[in-house]
Every structure is written in structure tokens, then in C-alpha cells.
Amino acid sequence: MKYLNQYILLGLLCMIPLIGCDTDELTDLNINPTAANELDWRFIFTTGQVQTAENRYINGRVHLNLASGLIQHTATMQVGGERGSGDKYFRHLDSFNGFQLYYTRGALKSLAEVIRQTGPDGVNPSWTNLHHMAQVQYAYVMHLMTDLHGNVPYSEANKGIEGIFFPKYDSQQSIYMDMLAKLEAAASAIGSGPDEVGSADIIYNGDFAKWKKLANSLMLRLAMRISNVDPSTAQSFVQKAISGGVMEDNSDMAWLPMASGPSQWFNQNGISRALIPDDWGANNMMGKTLVDWLQERNDPRLRIWSVRGVWGGPYLTDPADQVGMPNGYDSETMKEYLGKDAVDRELDFSRINPALLDVDDPWIMMTAAEVQFLLAEAAVKGWHTGDATEHYNKGVRLSMQQWTPFDESFVVTDDEVDAYLAANAFDGSLEMIGEQHWAANFMQWYEAYSNWRRTGFPELTPVDYIGNVSGGQIFRRIEYNQGEVANNPNFLDGSTQPDDVMTRMWWDVN
């Protein structure tokens, strides 16, 4: 016991010098010298941009499985499930759930935080340029969401930090009015602030002039979307967009560059990965409706978009050899259609050209061609003083000549375009504009689907495969995420009801 007391006394004596130690130094030991003390919101903006293209989950189950099949750009012999729902109008919960789930916690979350932190109450309120660029990017993703579902959370969305975990559902009309106002403000404000964004912007590398054009072009798209339900507001914003300056040529296009690394779930093109056989393995082939339309017009885009043959080649590349798969057939009924005892989908039908499907190929966000078709339509409606024929012809030219970023060989010469326009002269109709708009949205199937619902062009013939959930009609919307249905107490108060694929949303009155 005597020795124990001596050891305790000795320990206490040794601790005396520590009493006068600098406690700040001790505290500093808990600080990670390699960690960031502040976030650069430009990098969060980059994240939100990349997340806009999402990954193979969304592109496979929603963009490709539903939208491209509904719009008859592609077809498949699959019946239902994650690889055949849109082609034959089946309910598939992963496809219905995916967009609302992944974009809410992905791109919208990242962009909303940039908007908050560069707004009046944020840590960098002077970053005006970044703030409004994020608003444009946010409006792009949000309008896709409301165009797919109808009423969605908007005014209270992405406000968990404020304690709002179950946001209310806003009417599509109020969402559109707010998005149009924010795009107008962005088009005016971008470039006026002191902040530079530079390479953190992977679309335009910080070129504010091009961002102003994107804001106005997206404003034009949204204004035309509501043209049937609120023509006076639509006309007003169409004219604001035009006077502000919209995309003029393919150098103005909004592309999201993809990369082969470092992550298959973040950087790589989700459409490509969904269509690579040893990856997600979608069986979508080129749709007969689209292939026939292109062949009837001797359209040079067919040789870019379509090849025939097993994956890996050799391929038949001549447009005359391309055969589109009709929608609404399975592996058995296709035998009867072809009059054959066996069907080989890769040899009997054309596929999307694999040269468009490298994992580092860009993801198309918005094209200059689309803008020209919208301007042509506005001119026909009397909302724009430009010449409808000139805009139509320019839209065709831009669409045919926009594909070289995928492969240098995808060149369509001016002479080829001139010959096409001479053989398929514009007749001044909204139908011709709508058909070209539909074709030009190849690989932009969300937009092809929404614009078709708005215009009704082309006149697609729906299929009536046994067991479909729409009565043999093309969906007017997709149903909500089941987690929202089950858990958000605000769901029934403001959502689009009934929650059914044939319920029309506010702007869909054609």
C-alpha cells in the first residue's frame, strides 16, 4: 500500500506541468489539416450538372424504357418490367418511381443548395452569376419532373435544412409560372455579377453569353409547352425569350460531357450503359415508326442513328437495309408478323448505332434545332415576326449536322441538307413542324414525349397489347413514386389525381 501511494503521488507531480498547457493546442489535435473548412459552391454546381444526366438506372428505366417506347422511337419484344413497359403500356414501379426518387436527392438537391448559399441569406450572396446559372439548371430538371408526373413538390422542395421533410405539392400551373419568372430573371442577371464560374461549368465553361441563350431558349420551350392552355402568357414569354436572344447554331447547344471514369454511376453516359448488352442490357431496337418516317424522306440521319447486325458488328449501314421493329409485339407474335419460325432481333431489326453509345459520349440536354422548330411554330401562330420556313429549314439543317461530337464520321453536308429540303419542302403546317421536332428529339426522349403530348404530332398509332394498363392508349403521364404516396401526408391534398397513367396534367389539353 505504501508503494501504491508513492506511485499515485508521483503521477500527480508529473501532471502539474500539464495544468499550464495551451488547451488550444490540444483542441487543434482534433482538426483534420487536410479537410476543407469551406465549400466552394461552384464544385457543388458541377455535381448538379453531372447529376442532371443521371446514370443508367434512370436512363434505362425511365428515359429509355418508358419515354422512347411511348414515343415510338424504339421498340422491344420484352413484355413489361424494366425493359418493356413503355413499349406496350405496362405499369412498372421502378420506372414510375425512379425519376422522382433519384433526381430529388441528386441533381435537385445539389442545385437547390447552390441556389440557397448564393442567395440573399446564403454565405455567398454576391455570387449572382452562379446563383442564376443554378436556377436555370434547376428549372431544366424540375420541368422534366412536372412534365412526367404533373403536380409535384416545388415551393417547399429541398428544404429539409429548414425542417420541411414532407413538402407540399404545388399545382403545375404555379410551378410553370415561377419557373418562367426565374428564367426571365436569370437571362437578365447572368453576367452582371462579380463571380466567375469558369471550368466548374462543364456545359459552357463559364461563358455567360451562352448561358443567357440557354435561359431564354428554355423559357421558349416552357412558354410553348403552355401554349394550348394559357396562350396569352405563352405568347408573352415567347416574345421575351426571342427578344432576349436564343440559341442560334450548334455551338450554342447544351451538352453534358461524360467520361469513362472514375465512376460508372456518376460520370458515364447512362443511355449508353443501358443499351450495352453486357451492361444493363436493354433490348430496345430502332422503332418502325421512326425508321419508316426517315426512309420515306430519304433522311440522312438514318445512316447516323441506325445500323443492323449483332452487337460488335459487322453492321449493315445502308439506310435501305434498315428495318424498324414495330411496337406491341412479343417474341411469339413477332414470328407471325415476320412470317418466320424464329426471330433474331439483332439480325431482323435495326439497333441504335453503337457509335452513339460510347460511355464517354455526351448527354444531350437541349439543342439549337429544337429552338428553331419552336420559333417556326411561334411564327405560324403569329407570335413571332420571323419567317417560319427559314426557321424550319434551319432546324432541319442543325439537327442533321449536330452529331459529329459522337463520331467524326457523322457528317451531313450542306448539299445533302439542301437536297433533302428540296425534296421535302415545308408546307407551312404545324404538322410538318411537329413531325420534324419529334424526329430531332432522338435521344432526348423526355422532350419528345412531352412535346408530342402537347402538339399531337406525329399522329402515332397506339398498340393494345393484352394486359396493358392504359386501355391501349399512350400514357399521358407516369404515376408517382410509391414512397411519396405512402409517406408524404401532403400527397393527396395537392398531387395530380387520380394517380393514373391516363390522367391529363394542366398543360395537356390537346
Protein backbone atom coordinates (compact mmCIF):
# COMPACT_ATOMS: atom_id res chain seq x y z
CA MET A 1 0.00 0.00 0.00
CA LYS A 2 2.92 2.31 0.81
CA TYR A 3 4.30 1.81 -2.69
CA LEU A 4 0.89 2.40 -4.29
CA ASN A 5 0.58 5.76 -2.57
CA GLN A 6 4.03 6.69 -3.79
CA TYR A 7 3.07 5.89 -7.40
CA ILE A 8 -0.08 7.99 -7.14
CA LEU A 9 1.88 10.93 -5.73
CA LEU A 10 4.45 10.62 -8.48
CA GLY A 11 1.68 10.61 -11.13
CA LEU A 12 0.15 13.76 -9.68
CA LEU A 13 3.52 15.52 -9.69
CA CYS A 14 4.02 14.61 -13.35
CA MET A 15 0.66 16.15 -14.25
CA ILE A 16 1.47 19.54 -12.71
CA PRO A 17 3.24 20.85 -15.89
CA LEU A 18 0.17 19.96 -17.95
CA ILE A 19 -2.04 22.28 -15.96
CA GLY A 20 -0.47 25.25 -17.69
CA CYS A 21 -0.66 23.73 -21.21
CA ASP A 22 -2.29 25.65 -24.04
CA THR A 23 -5.68 23.97 -24.40
CA ASP A 24 -5.98 25.44 -27.91
CA GLU A 25 -3.08 23.25 -28.95
CA LEU A 26 -4.85 20.24 -27.55
CA THR A 27 -8.03 21.22 -29.38
CA ASP A 28 -6.10 21.64 -32.61
CA LEU A 29 -5.14 17.99 -32.42
CA ASN A 30 -8.75 17.19 -33.29
CA ILE A 31 -8.69 19.24 -36.52
CA ASN A 32 -8.05 17.43 -39.80
CA PRO A 33 -5.48 19.61 -41.58
CA THR A 34 -6.48 18.16 -44.99
CA ALA A 35 -10.23 18.80 -44.63
CA ALA A 36 -11.98 21.77 -46.30
CA ASN A 37 -13.28 24.38 -43.87
CA GLU A 38 -15.46 25.99 -46.55
CA LEU A 39 -17.35 24.61 -49.55
CA ASP A 40 -16.87 26.10 -52.98
CA TRP A 41 -20.40 26.19 -54.36
CA ARG A 42 -19.03 26.08 -57.89
CA PHE A 43 -17.99 22.48 -57.32
CA ILE A 44 -21.45 21.62 -55.97
CA PHE A 45 -22.83 23.21 -59.14
CA THR A 46 -20.63 20.90 -61.22
CA THR A 47 -22.02 17.96 -59.28
CA GLY A 48 -25.56 19.11 -60.00
CA GLN A 49 -24.77 19.41 -63.70
CA VAL A 50 -23.40 15.88 -63.90
CA GLN A 51 -26.35 14.56 -61.89
CA THR A 52 -28.68 16.13 -64.47
CA ALA A 53 -27.63 13.37 -66.88
CA GLU A 54 -28.08 10.81 -64.07
CA ASN A 55 -26.99 7.22 -64.51
CA ARG A 56 -28.09 4.02 -66.17
CA TYR A 57 -30.81 3.42 -63.55
CA ILE A 58 -32.85 6.45 -64.59
CA ASN A 59 -31.85 6.47 -68.25
CA GLY A 60 -32.59 2.76 -68.53
CA ARG A 61 -35.85 2.56 -66.61
CA VAL A 62 -37.43 5.95 -67.39
CA HIS A 63 -35.77 7.70 -70.33
CA LEU A 64 -35.35 4.57 -72.46
CA ASN A 65 -37.83 2.02 -71.09
CA LEU A 66 -40.77 4.40 -70.86
CA ALA A 67 -40.30 7.57 -72.91
CA SER A 68 -38.56 6.20 -76.01
CA GLY A 69 -41.10 3.38 -76.29
CA LEU A 70 -44.14 5.59 -75.67
CA ILE A 71 -42.95 7.95 -78.39
CA GLN A 72 -42.18 5.02 -80.74
CA HIS A 73 -38.55 5.94 -81.35
CA THR A 74 -37.66 2.45 -80.10
CA ALA A 75 -39.41 -0.89 -79.71
CA THR A 76 -38.79 -4.14 -77.88
CA MET A 77 -40.17 -7.66 -77.70
CA GLN A 78 -39.95 -7.56 -73.89
CA VAL A 79 -43.27 -7.66 -72.06
CA GLY A 80 -43.49 -5.30 -69.10
CA GLY A 81 -40.77 -4.97 -66.49
CA GLU A 82 -37.83 -2.63 -66.58
CA ARG A 83 -37.14 -3.28 -70.27
CA GLY A 84 -40.56 -3.29 -71.89
CA SER A 85 -43.12 -1.15 -70.06
CA GLY A 86 -43.40 1.88 -72.30
CA ASP A 87 -43.44 -0.17 -75.49
CA LYS A 88 -46.68 -1.94 -74.53
CA TYR A 89 -48.07 0.37 -71.82
CA PHE A 90 -47.42 -1.70 -68.71
CA ARG A 91 -47.07 -0.46 -65.14
CA HIS A 92 -43.54 -0.88 -63.81
CA LEU A 93 -42.95 0.59 -60.36
CA ASP A 94 -39.17 1.05 -60.68
CA SER A 95 -39.74 3.07 -63.83
CA PHE A 96 -42.52 5.11 -62.25
CA ASN A 97 -40.54 5.61 -59.03
CA GLY A 98 -37.14 6.38 -60.48
CA PHE A 99 -37.25 9.97 -61.67
CA GLN A 100 -38.88 11.46 -58.59
CA LEU A 101 -36.67 9.46 -56.27
CA TYR A 102 -33.23 9.91 -57.80
CA TYR A 103 -33.48 13.44 -59.18
CA THR A 104 -34.91 14.77 -55.92
CA ARG A 105 -31.96 13.51 -53.90
CA GLY A 106 -29.48 14.06 -56.71
CA ALA A 107 -29.43 17.00 -59.12
CA LEU A 108 -32.23 18.97 -57.48
CA LYS A 109 -30.69 18.66 -54.02
CA SER A 110 -27.25 19.80 -55.19
CA LEU A 111 -28.58 22.69 -57.27
CA ALA A 112 -31.00 23.82 -54.56
CA GLU A 113 -28.12 24.13 -52.10
CA VAL A 114 -26.12 26.24 -54.56
CA ILE A 115 -29.16 28.47 -55.05
CA ARG A 116 -29.63 28.81 -51.27
CA GLN A 117 -26.00 29.54 -50.46
CA THR A 118 -25.65 32.11 -53.26
CA GLY A 119 -28.98 33.76 -52.45
CA PRO A 120 -29.70 36.69 -50.11
CA ASP A 121 -29.48 34.55 -46.96
CA GLY A 122 -26.56 32.40 -48.06
CA VAL A 123 -22.85 32.60 -47.36
CA ASN A 124 -22.00 33.99 -50.82
CA PRO A 125 -24.87 36.33 -51.77
CA SER A 126 -22.69 38.26 -54.21
CA TRP A 127 -22.24 35.21 -56.48
CA THR A 128 -25.01 36.41 -58.76
CA ASN A 129 -23.88 34.60 -61.88
CA LEU A 130 -23.60 31.19 -60.25
CA HIS A 131 -26.92 31.72 -58.48
CA HIS A 132 -28.83 32.27 -61.70
CA MET A 133 -26.98 29.59 -63.65
CA ALA A 134 -28.05 27.14 -60.96
CA GLN A 135 -31.62 28.43 -61.28
CA VAL A 136 -31.57 27.63 -65.00
CA GLN A 137 -30.19 24.14 -64.40
CA TYR A 138 -32.74 23.56 -61.63
CA ALA A 139 -35.62 24.67 -63.88
CA TYR A 140 -34.45 22.23 -66.53
CA VAL A 141 -34.62 19.23 -64.19
CA MET A 142 -37.78 20.39 -62.44
CA HIS A 143 -39.72 20.91 -65.66
CA LEU A 144 -38.85 17.34 -66.69
CA MET A 145 -40.26 16.14 -63.38
CA THR A 146 -43.52 18.07 -63.55
CA ASP A 147 -43.94 17.13 -67.23
CA LEU A 148 -43.71 13.45 -66.30
CA HIS A 149 -45.85 13.47 -63.14
CA GLY A 150 -47.98 16.64 -63.05
CA ASN A 151 -48.22 18.45 -59.70
CA VAL A 152 -45.05 17.89 -57.66
CA PRO A 153 -43.35 19.41 -54.59
CA TYR A 154 -41.75 22.68 -55.65
CA SER A 155 -42.04 25.67 -53.30
CA GLU A 156 -41.16 23.53 -50.25
CA ALA A 157 -38.89 21.05 -52.03
CA ASN A 158 -35.28 20.57 -50.90
CA LYS A 159 -35.84 22.40 -47.61
CA GLY A 160 -35.02 19.67 -45.14
CA ILE A 161 -32.49 22.02 -43.53
CA GLU A 162 -35.47 24.21 -42.63
CA GLY A 163 -37.28 21.27 -41.08
CA ILE A 164 -39.59 20.62 -44.05
CA PHE A 165 -39.37 16.88 -44.56
CA PHE A 166 -42.73 16.39 -46.23
CA PRO A 167 -43.11 19.20 -48.76
CA LYS A 168 -46.50 20.16 -50.09
CA TYR A 169 -47.47 19.53 -53.70
CA ASP A 170 -47.76 22.60 -55.91
CA SER A 171 -50.01 22.92 -58.93
CA GLN A 172 -48.27 22.56 -62.27
CA GLN A 173 -49.61 25.96 -63.27
CA SER A 174 -47.93 27.68 -60.30
CA ILE A 175 -44.70 25.74 -60.95
CA TYR A 176 -44.61 26.86 -64.56
CA MET A 177 -45.31 30.48 -63.70
CA ASP A 178 -42.47 30.50 -61.19
CA MET A 179 -40.02 28.73 -63.50
CA LEU A 180 -40.76 31.18 -66.32
CA ALA A 181 -40.22 34.12 -63.96
CA LYS A 182 -36.93 32.69 -62.70
CA LEU A 183 -35.70 32.02 -66.23
CA GLU A 184 -36.54 35.58 -67.21
CA ALA A 185 -34.63 36.88 -64.19
CA ALA A 186 -31.68 34.59 -64.93
CA ALA A 187 -31.46 35.64 -68.57
CA SER A 188 -31.28 39.25 -67.42
CA ALA A 189 -28.87 38.79 -64.48
CA ILE A 190 -26.30 36.26 -65.71
CA GLY A 191 -23.05 38.07 -66.43
CA SER A 192 -23.82 41.02 -64.19
CA GLY A 193 -22.21 39.66 -61.03
CA PRO A 194 -18.58 39.75 -59.90
CA ASP A 195 -18.15 35.97 -59.67
CA GLU A 196 -16.52 33.82 -62.31
CA VAL A 197 -17.51 30.18 -62.74
CA GLY A 198 -15.03 29.08 -65.39
CA SER A 199 -14.28 25.37 -65.75
CA ALA A 200 -16.64 24.47 -62.90
CA ASP A 201 -19.31 24.89 -65.57
CA ILE A 202 -18.92 21.77 -67.70
CA ILE A 203 -21.50 22.87 -70.28
CA TYR A 204 -20.20 26.26 -71.45
CA ASN A 205 -17.00 26.68 -69.44
CA GLY A 206 -18.36 29.80 -67.76
CA ASP A 207 -19.47 31.55 -70.97
CA PHE A 208 -22.20 33.85 -69.66
CA ALA A 209 -23.45 34.83 -73.12
CA LYS A 210 -24.24 31.20 -73.89
CA TRP A 211 -25.94 30.77 -70.52
CA LYS A 212 -28.20 33.71 -71.30
CA LYS A 213 -29.14 31.99 -74.57
CA LEU A 214 -29.85 28.75 -72.71
CA ALA A 215 -32.06 30.57 -70.19
CA ASN A 216 -34.03 32.22 -73.00
CA SER A 217 -34.23 29.00 -75.02
CA LEU A 218 -35.56 27.06 -72.04
CA MET A 219 -38.01 29.91 -71.44
CA LEU A 220 -39.14 29.50 -75.06
CA ARG A 221 -39.64 25.73 -74.55
CA LEU A 222 -41.69 26.22 -71.38
CA ALA A 223 -43.73 29.02 -72.91
CA MET A 224 -44.66 26.89 -75.90
CA ARG A 225 -45.48 24.00 -73.55
CA ILE A 226 -48.35 26.01 -72.08
CA SER A 227 -49.45 27.47 -75.43
CA ASN A 228 -52.67 25.44 -75.58
CA VAL A 229 -53.82 26.10 -72.03
CA ASP A 230 -52.68 29.72 -71.49
CA PRO A 231 -51.90 31.25 -74.90
CA SER A 232 -51.64 34.85 -73.70
CA THR A 233 -48.98 34.05 -71.08
CA ALA A 234 -47.26 31.76 -73.56
CA GLN A 235 -47.10 34.45 -76.23
CA SER A 236 -45.73 36.98 -73.75
CA PHE A 237 -42.86 34.74 -72.65
CA VAL A 238 -42.17 33.54 -76.20
CA GLN A 239 -41.60 37.13 -77.21
CA LYS A 240 -39.48 37.84 -74.13
CA ALA A 241 -37.30 34.84 -74.92
CA ILE A 242 -36.84 35.83 -78.54
CA SER A 243 -36.01 39.44 -77.73
CA GLY A 244 -33.50 38.27 -75.11
CA GLY A 245 -31.68 36.04 -77.58
CA VAL A 246 -31.97 32.26 -78.01
CA MET A 247 -29.69 29.54 -79.38
CA GLU A 248 -28.69 30.25 -82.96
CA ASP A 249 -26.45 27.37 -84.07
CA ASN A 250 -24.97 24.10 -82.84
CA SER A 251 -22.18 25.86 -80.99
CA ASP A 252 -24.89 27.05 -78.59
CA MET A 253 -26.16 23.52 -77.83
CA ALA A 254 -26.28 22.40 -74.22
CA TRP A 255 -24.29 19.15 -73.94
CA LEU A 256 -23.35 17.42 -70.72
CA PRO A 257 -19.91 15.88 -71.31
CA MET A 258 -19.49 12.38 -69.96
CA ALA A 259 -16.30 10.44 -69.13
CA SER A 260 -15.22 6.82 -68.93
CA GLY A 261 -14.12 7.21 -65.30
CA PRO A 262 -13.72 7.29 -62.43
CA SER A 263 -17.23 6.04 -61.56
CA GLN A 264 -19.72 4.07 -63.60
CA TRP A 265 -22.53 5.60 -61.53
CA PHE A 266 -21.54 9.22 -61.92
CA ASN A 267 -19.53 10.17 -64.99
CA GLN A 268 -20.57 7.67 -67.64
CA ASN A 269 -23.40 8.15 -70.12
CA GLY A 270 -26.43 6.35 -68.71
CA ILE A 271 -28.16 5.90 -72.07
CA SER A 272 -25.05 4.19 -73.42
CA ARG A 273 -24.66 1.92 -70.41
CA ALA A 274 -28.34 0.95 -70.53
CA LEU A 275 -28.02 -0.17 -74.15
CA ILE A 276 -24.69 -2.03 -73.93
CA PRO A 277 -25.64 -5.74 -73.94
CA ASP A 278 -23.17 -6.86 -71.25
CA ASP A 279 -24.11 -3.90 -69.04
CA TRP A 280 -27.76 -3.06 -68.26
CA GLY A 281 -28.73 -4.88 -71.43
CA ALA A 282 -31.84 -3.12 -72.69
CA ASN A 283 -33.24 -4.84 -75.77
CA ASN A 284 -34.65 -1.69 -77.39
CA MET A 285 -34.30 -1.64 -81.16
CA MET A 286 -34.99 1.18 -83.59
CA GLY A 287 -38.75 1.68 -83.85
CA LYS A 288 -40.56 1.01 -87.12
CA THR A 289 -42.47 4.30 -86.84
CA LEU A 290 -39.25 6.30 -86.83
CA VAL A 291 -37.31 4.20 -89.35
CA ASP A 292 -40.17 4.24 -91.84
CA TRP A 293 -40.56 8.00 -91.45
CA LEU A 294 -36.85 8.54 -92.13
CA GLN A 295 -36.76 6.15 -95.10
CA GLU A 296 -39.80 7.70 -96.74
CA ARG A 297 -37.99 11.04 -96.81
CA ASN A 298 -34.52 9.71 -97.67
CA ASP A 299 -33.32 11.29 -94.44
CA PRO A 300 -29.51 11.23 -93.94
CA ARG A 301 -29.95 10.95 -90.17
CA LEU A 302 -30.93 7.31 -90.61
CA ARG A 303 -27.36 6.31 -91.51
CA ILE A 304 -26.16 8.05 -88.32
CA TRP A 305 -28.74 6.72 -85.91
CA SER A 306 -29.25 3.18 -87.15
CA VAL A 307 -27.29 0.03 -88.05
CA ARG A 308 -28.32 -3.59 -88.39
CA GLY A 309 -26.40 -6.54 -87.03
CA VAL A 310 -25.29 -8.24 -83.83
CA TRP A 311 -23.56 -6.08 -81.25
CA GLY A 312 -19.90 -5.73 -82.20
CA GLY A 313 -20.59 -6.00 -85.93
CA PRO A 314 -20.28 -6.36 -88.78
CA TYR A 315 -23.15 -3.98 -89.41
CA LEU A 316 -25.38 -3.17 -92.35
CA THR A 317 -25.15 0.61 -92.57
CA ASP A 318 -27.02 1.37 -95.81
CA PRO A 319 -30.29 3.18 -94.98
CA ALA A 320 -32.11 0.85 -97.38
CA ASP A 321 -31.11 -2.13 -95.20
CA GLN A 322 -32.58 -0.70 -92.01
CA VAL A 323 -35.69 -2.34 -90.60
CA GLY A 324 -37.54 -0.85 -87.65
CA MET A 325 -39.19 -3.06 -85.05
CA PRO A 326 -42.93 -2.48 -84.71
CA ASN A 327 -44.26 -1.67 -81.26
CA GLY A 328 -46.57 -4.01 -79.44
CA TYR A 329 -45.14 -7.43 -80.32
CA ASP A 330 -43.57 -10.16 -78.21
CA SER A 331 -41.26 -12.98 -79.29
CA GLU A 332 -44.18 -15.19 -80.34
CA THR A 333 -46.41 -12.66 -82.10
CA MET A 334 -43.33 -11.30 -83.90
CA LYS A 335 -42.92 -14.68 -85.64
CA GLU A 336 -46.38 -14.30 -87.10
CA TYR A 337 -45.67 -10.69 -88.08
CA LEU A 338 -42.50 -11.70 -89.93
CA GLY A 339 -43.90 -14.98 -91.23
CA LYS A 340 -40.93 -16.87 -89.77
CA ASP A 341 -40.48 -19.78 -87.39
CA ALA A 342 -37.78 -17.96 -85.41
CA VAL A 343 -36.87 -14.35 -84.75
CA ASP A 344 -33.38 -12.94 -84.23
CA ARG A 345 -33.97 -9.38 -83.12
CA GLU A 346 -30.37 -8.32 -83.87
CA LEU A 347 -30.42 -9.65 -87.43
CA ASP A 348 -34.05 -8.97 -88.27
CA PHE A 349 -34.19 -5.42 -86.92
CA SER A 350 -32.00 -2.34 -86.68
CA ARG A 351 -30.43 -1.07 -83.48
CA ILE A 352 -29.23 2.34 -82.32
CA ASN A 353 -25.78 2.85 -83.82
CA PRO A 354 -23.20 1.76 -81.21
CA ALA A 355 -21.04 4.70 -82.33
CA LEU A 356 -23.61 6.84 -80.48
CA LEU A 357 -23.21 4.75 -77.34
CA ASP A 358 -19.66 5.14 -76.07
CA VAL A 359 -19.79 5.63 -72.30
CA ASP A 360 -17.95 8.95 -72.68
CA ASP A 361 -20.29 10.29 -75.38
CA PRO A 362 -22.12 13.50 -74.41
CA TRP A 363 -25.64 13.58 -72.98
CA ILE A 364 -27.92 15.93 -74.90
CA MET A 365 -29.65 18.49 -72.72
CA MET A 366 -31.08 20.96 -75.28
CA THR A 367 -30.45 21.52 -78.98
CA ALA A 368 -30.40 24.54 -81.23
CA ALA A 369 -32.53 22.57 -83.71
CA GLU A 370 -35.37 22.40 -81.17
CA VAL A 371 -35.23 26.15 -80.74
CA GLN A 372 -35.65 26.67 -84.49
CA PHE A 373 -38.72 24.44 -84.61
CA LEU A 374 -40.22 26.33 -81.68
CA LEU A 375 -39.55 29.61 -83.50
CA ALA A 376 -41.14 28.22 -86.66
CA GLU A 377 -44.24 27.27 -84.67
CA ALA A 378 -44.35 30.69 -83.00
CA ALA A 379 -44.16 32.32 -86.43
CA VAL A 380 -47.05 30.21 -87.75
CA LYS A 381 -49.09 31.21 -84.68
CA GLY A 382 -48.36 34.89 -85.35
CA TRP A 383 -46.35 35.30 -82.14
CA HIS A 384 -43.05 35.94 -83.91
CA THR A 385 -42.21 38.09 -86.92
CA GLY A 386 -39.57 35.69 -88.22
CA ASP A 387 -40.09 33.56 -91.32
CA ALA A 388 -41.47 30.12 -90.44
CA THR A 389 -39.91 28.45 -93.48
CA GLU A 390 -36.46 29.82 -92.68
CA HIS A 391 -36.70 28.59 -89.09
CA TYR A 392 -38.00 25.19 -90.20
CA ASN A 393 -35.22 24.73 -92.75
CA LYS A 394 -32.60 25.84 -90.25
CA GLY A 395 -33.94 23.44 -87.66
CA VAL A 396 -33.64 20.53 -90.09
CA ARG A 397 -30.09 21.57 -91.00
CA LEU A 398 -28.96 21.92 -87.41
CA SER A 399 -30.49 18.58 -86.42
CA MET A 400 -28.77 16.79 -89.28
CA GLN A 401 -25.40 18.39 -88.57
CA GLN A 402 -25.24 18.13 -84.75
CA TRP A 403 -23.87 14.58 -84.44
CA THR A 404 -20.12 14.90 -85.01
CA PRO A 405 -19.37 15.17 -81.24
CA PHE A 406 -20.34 11.48 -81.11
CA ASP A 407 -18.20 10.47 -84.07
CA GLU A 408 -16.21 12.50 -86.60
CA SER A 409 -17.70 10.46 -89.44
CA PHE A 410 -21.25 11.69 -88.73
CA VAL A 411 -21.03 14.50 -91.26
CA VAL A 412 -24.06 15.62 -93.26
CA THR A 413 -23.03 18.13 -95.92
CA ASP A 414 -24.90 21.29 -96.82
CA ASP A 415 -25.61 19.81 -100.25
CA GLU A 416 -27.27 16.80 -98.64
CA VAL A 417 -29.42 19.04 -96.47
CA ASP A 418 -30.34 21.22 -99.45
CA ALA A 419 -31.38 18.15 -101.44
CA TYR A 420 -33.49 16.91 -98.52
CA LEU A 421 -35.26 20.26 -98.10
CA ALA A 422 -35.93 20.48 -101.82
CA ALA A 423 -37.48 17.01 -101.86
CA ASN A 424 -39.43 17.59 -98.62
CA ALA A 425 -40.44 21.22 -98.91
CA PHE A 426 -42.10 22.84 -95.90
CA ASP A 427 -45.83 23.36 -96.49
CA GLY A 428 -46.33 25.87 -93.68
CA SER A 429 -48.20 23.43 -91.43
CA LEU A 430 -47.84 22.81 -87.73
CA GLU A 431 -47.90 19.10 -88.58
CA MET A 432 -44.62 19.24 -90.51
CA ILE A 433 -43.01 21.26 -87.73
CA GLY A 434 -44.26 18.79 -85.12
CA GLU A 435 -43.00 15.77 -87.03
CA GLN A 436 -39.53 17.25 -87.51
CA HIS A 437 -39.49 18.29 -83.85
CA TRP A 438 -40.33 14.70 -82.87
CA ALA A 439 -37.54 13.27 -85.02
CA ALA A 440 -34.99 15.86 -83.92
CA ASN A 441 -35.55 14.85 -80.29
CA PHE A 442 -33.91 11.47 -80.90
CA MET A 443 -32.04 10.53 -77.69
CA GLN A 444 -33.97 13.32 -75.94
CA TRP A 445 -36.95 11.11 -75.26
CA TYR A 446 -38.29 13.05 -72.27
CA GLU A 447 -38.74 16.06 -74.51
CA ALA A 448 -40.03 14.02 -77.46
CA TYR A 449 -42.71 12.58 -75.17
CA SER A 450 -43.77 15.90 -73.68
CA ASN A 451 -43.83 17.79 -76.97
CA TRP A 452 -45.83 15.02 -78.63
CA ARG A 453 -48.46 15.25 -75.89
CA ARG A 454 -48.62 19.00 -76.45
CA THR A 455 -48.81 19.03 -80.26
CA GLY A 456 -50.27 15.63 -81.16
CA PHE A 457 -47.69 15.29 -83.96
CA PRO A 458 -46.85 12.94 -85.44
CA GLU A 459 -50.13 11.04 -85.32
CA LEU A 460 -48.91 7.89 -83.60
CA THR A 461 -50.94 4.67 -83.73
CA PRO A 462 -51.07 3.21 -80.21
CA VAL A 463 -50.84 -0.52 -79.53
CA ASP A 464 -53.23 -2.63 -77.48
CA TYR A 465 -51.13 -5.46 -76.10
CA ILE A 466 -53.03 -7.77 -73.79
CA GLY A 467 -52.83 -6.77 -70.12
CA ASN A 468 -51.80 -3.13 -70.66
CA VAL A 469 -52.89 -0.59 -68.03
CA SER A 470 -53.99 2.28 -70.28
CA GLY A 471 -56.77 0.78 -72.35
CA GLY A 472 -54.48 0.61 -75.36
CA GLN A 473 -53.63 4.33 -75.26
CA ILE A 474 -50.27 6.07 -74.95
CA PHE A 475 -49.71 7.24 -71.37
CA ARG A 476 -50.50 10.91 -70.67
CA ARG A 477 -48.22 10.85 -67.58
CA ILE A 478 -46.43 8.41 -65.30
CA GLU A 479 -47.50 7.60 -61.77
CA TYR A 480 -45.83 8.94 -58.63
CA ASN A 481 -43.06 7.42 -56.57
CA GLN A 482 -44.63 4.92 -54.18
CA GLY A 483 -42.62 6.27 -51.25
CA GLU A 484 -44.31 9.64 -51.71
CA VAL A 485 -47.72 8.04 -51.99
CA ALA A 486 -47.22 6.09 -48.77
CA ASN A 487 -45.30 8.55 -46.63
CA ASN A 488 -45.98 12.19 -47.58
CA PRO A 489 -49.07 13.36 -45.66
CA ASN A 490 -49.47 16.19 -48.21
CA PHE A 491 -49.72 13.83 -51.15
CA LEU A 492 -53.49 13.62 -51.55
CA ASP A 493 -54.01 17.34 -50.92
CA GLY A 494 -52.07 18.60 -53.92
CA SER A 495 -50.97 15.80 -56.24
CA THR A 496 -52.41 15.15 -59.68
CA GLN A 497 -55.38 12.85 -59.19
CA PRO A 498 -56.35 10.21 -59.94
CA ASP A 499 -52.78 8.91 -59.88
CA ASP A 500 -53.24 7.08 -63.16
CA VAL A 501 -51.34 6.98 -66.46
CA MET A 502 -54.28 8.45 -68.37
CA THR A 503 -54.89 11.48 -66.12
CA ARG A 504 -54.00 14.63 -68.03
CA MET A 505 -51.96 17.36 -66.41
CA TRP A 506 -52.65 21.10 -66.53
CA TRP A 507 -50.98 21.93 -69.86
CA ASP A 508 -52.06 18.73 -71.63
CA VAL A 509 -55.31 19.83 -73.26
CA ASN A 510 -54.66 18.91 -76.92
